[in-house]
Protein backbone atom coordinates (compact mmCIF):
# COMPACT_ATOMS: atom_id res chain seq x y z
CA MET A 1 0.00 0.00 0.00
CA ASN A 2 1.65 3.22 -1.15
CA HIS A 3 0.96 6.67 0.22
CA THR A 4 1.66 9.97 -1.56
CA VAL A 5 2.80 10.25 -5.14
CA ALA A 6 6.56 9.73 -5.14
CA SER A 7 8.00 6.29 -5.67
CA PRO A 8 8.62 4.95 -2.18
CA ALA A 9 12.17 4.41 -1.11
CA ILE A 10 11.04 3.48 2.41
CA THR A 11 9.63 0.04 3.14
CA VAL A 12 7.78 -0.66 6.37
CA PHE A 13 7.59 -4.35 7.26
CA GLY A 14 5.05 -5.46 9.85
CA ILE A 15 1.46 -6.40 10.46
CA PRO A 16 -1.38 -3.90 10.03
CA ASN A 17 -2.95 -4.28 13.47
CA CYS A 18 0.30 -3.72 15.43
CA ASP A 19 0.20 -0.42 17.37
CA SER A 20 3.89 0.34 16.71
CA VAL A 21 3.41 -0.28 12.99
CA LYS A 22 0.32 1.96 12.96
CA LYS A 23 2.27 4.74 14.71
CA ALA A 24 5.20 4.43 12.32
CA ARG A 25 2.98 4.50 9.24
CA LEU A 26 1.04 7.51 10.54
CA TRP A 27 4.29 9.32 11.36
CA LEU A 28 5.66 8.73 7.84
CA GLN A 29 2.35 9.82 6.33
CA ASN A 30 2.34 13.00 8.44
CA GLN A 31 5.85 13.79 7.18
CA GLY A 32 4.60 13.46 3.59
CA LEU A 33 6.93 10.53 2.96
CA ALA A 34 6.08 7.82 0.45
CA TYR A 35 6.48 4.28 1.72
CA HIS A 36 5.60 0.75 0.80
CA PHE A 37 3.96 -1.46 3.43
CA HIS A 38 4.92 -5.14 3.43
CA ASP A 39 2.50 -7.26 5.46
CA PHE A 40 4.24 -10.20 7.16
CA LYS A 41 0.94 -12.03 7.60
CA LYS A 42 0.03 -11.93 3.90
CA ASP A 43 3.43 -11.87 2.22
CA GLY A 44 5.80 -13.51 4.70
CA VAL A 45 9.34 -12.34 5.25
CA PRO A 46 11.58 -12.27 2.18
CA PRO A 47 14.58 -14.51 3.02
CA ASP A 48 17.05 -12.04 1.49
CA ALA A 49 15.52 -9.23 3.57
CA LEU A 50 15.76 -11.28 6.76
CA ALA A 51 19.45 -11.93 6.10
CA ARG A 52 20.04 -8.18 5.55
CA TRP A 53 18.18 -7.27 8.74
CA MET A 54 20.08 -9.80 10.80
CA GLN A 55 23.37 -8.52 9.44
CA ALA A 56 22.38 -4.89 10.05
CA VAL A 57 20.84 -5.09 13.53
CA GLY A 58 21.53 -8.60 14.83
CA TRP A 59 19.09 -11.42 15.45
CA GLU A 60 18.68 -10.48 19.11
CA MET A 61 17.17 -7.11 18.20
CA LEU A 62 14.79 -8.66 15.65
CA LEU A 63 13.44 -11.30 17.99
CA ASN A 64 10.69 -9.91 20.19
CA ARG A 65 10.99 -11.95 23.37
CA LYS A 66 8.44 -9.73 25.14
CA GLY A 67 5.57 -10.25 22.72
CA THR A 68 2.55 -12.50 22.98
CA THR A 69 3.72 -14.82 20.21
CA TRP A 70 7.02 -15.52 21.98
CA ARG A 71 5.33 -16.07 25.34
CA LYS A 72 2.93 -18.60 23.78
CA LEU A 73 5.76 -20.68 22.30
CA ASP A 74 6.71 -23.95 23.92
CA PRO A 75 9.57 -23.34 26.41
CA ALA A 76 11.68 -25.97 24.64
CA LEU A 77 11.33 -24.03 21.38
CA GLN A 78 12.18 -20.77 23.14
CA ASN A 79 15.29 -22.37 24.65
CA SER A 80 16.36 -23.73 21.25
CA VAL A 81 16.82 -20.20 19.88
CA GLY A 82 20.39 -19.31 20.67
CA ASP A 83 22.01 -18.16 17.45
CA ALA A 84 21.29 -16.48 14.13
CA ALA A 85 20.38 -19.71 12.31
CA SER A 86 17.85 -20.87 14.92
CA ALA A 87 16.40 -17.35 15.18
CA ALA A 88 16.04 -17.13 11.38
CA ALA A 89 14.24 -20.48 11.26
CA LEU A 90 11.81 -19.40 13.98
CA ILE A 91 11.23 -16.00 12.36
CA GLN A 92 10.40 -17.61 8.99
CA ALA A 93 7.98 -20.02 10.68
CA GLN A 94 6.45 -17.48 13.10
CA THR A 95 6.71 -13.99 11.59
CA SER A 96 4.87 -12.50 14.56
CA VAL A 97 7.98 -12.96 16.73
CA ILE A 98 9.66 -10.11 14.85
CA LYS A 99 9.89 -6.84 16.74
CA ARG A 100 7.96 -4.34 14.65
CA PRO A 101 8.12 -2.37 12.53
CA VAL A 102 11.24 -3.17 10.58
CA VAL A 103 11.94 -0.21 8.31
CA GLN A 104 14.29 -0.15 5.38
CA TRP A 105 15.37 3.43 4.68
CA PRO A 106 16.46 4.93 1.33
CA ASP A 107 20.15 4.79 2.27
CA GLY A 108 19.86 1.08 3.12
CA ARG A 109 19.77 1.50 6.89
CA ILE A 110 17.47 -0.78 8.84
CA THR A 111 15.62 0.18 12.01
CA VAL A 112 13.54 -1.98 14.31
CA GLY A 113 10.72 -0.55 16.41
CA PHE A 114 9.28 2.95 16.31
CA ALA A 115 10.65 6.06 17.98
CA PRO A 116 9.70 9.42 16.40
CA HIS A 117 13.03 11.07 17.26
CA SER A 118 14.99 8.19 15.70
CA PHE A 119 12.86 8.28 12.57
CA ALA A 120 13.37 12.06 12.27
CA ASP A 121 17.15 11.51 12.33
CA LEU A 122 16.82 9.13 9.35
CA LEU A 123 14.76 11.31 7.06
CA PRO A 124 15.95 11.28 3.47
């Protein structure tokens, strides 16, 4: 879903009903910035994107251990996640364990979560 007229150089990855994703999308819209929204629930996580994110921010930052999805996982599965490979496998199988939103900025930087002051620092 694109907003405004310019070709979006910003991609917001997340799920539509997530409060942090809603806030990030509204903030971008209020700044007049075009963005593309990629819905994890409908479109999954592109494997090449996941690899980029993990390289950029680390698997620990991507994995939301405080969220409902994580808390509902079997403790044995939770305990099996201890490195990038096991985190990537879990993320591909359970996209809701990703801390949201993941934003890819025009310069290639990746951010996880939403903080208005941090977003303002990254404006193109």
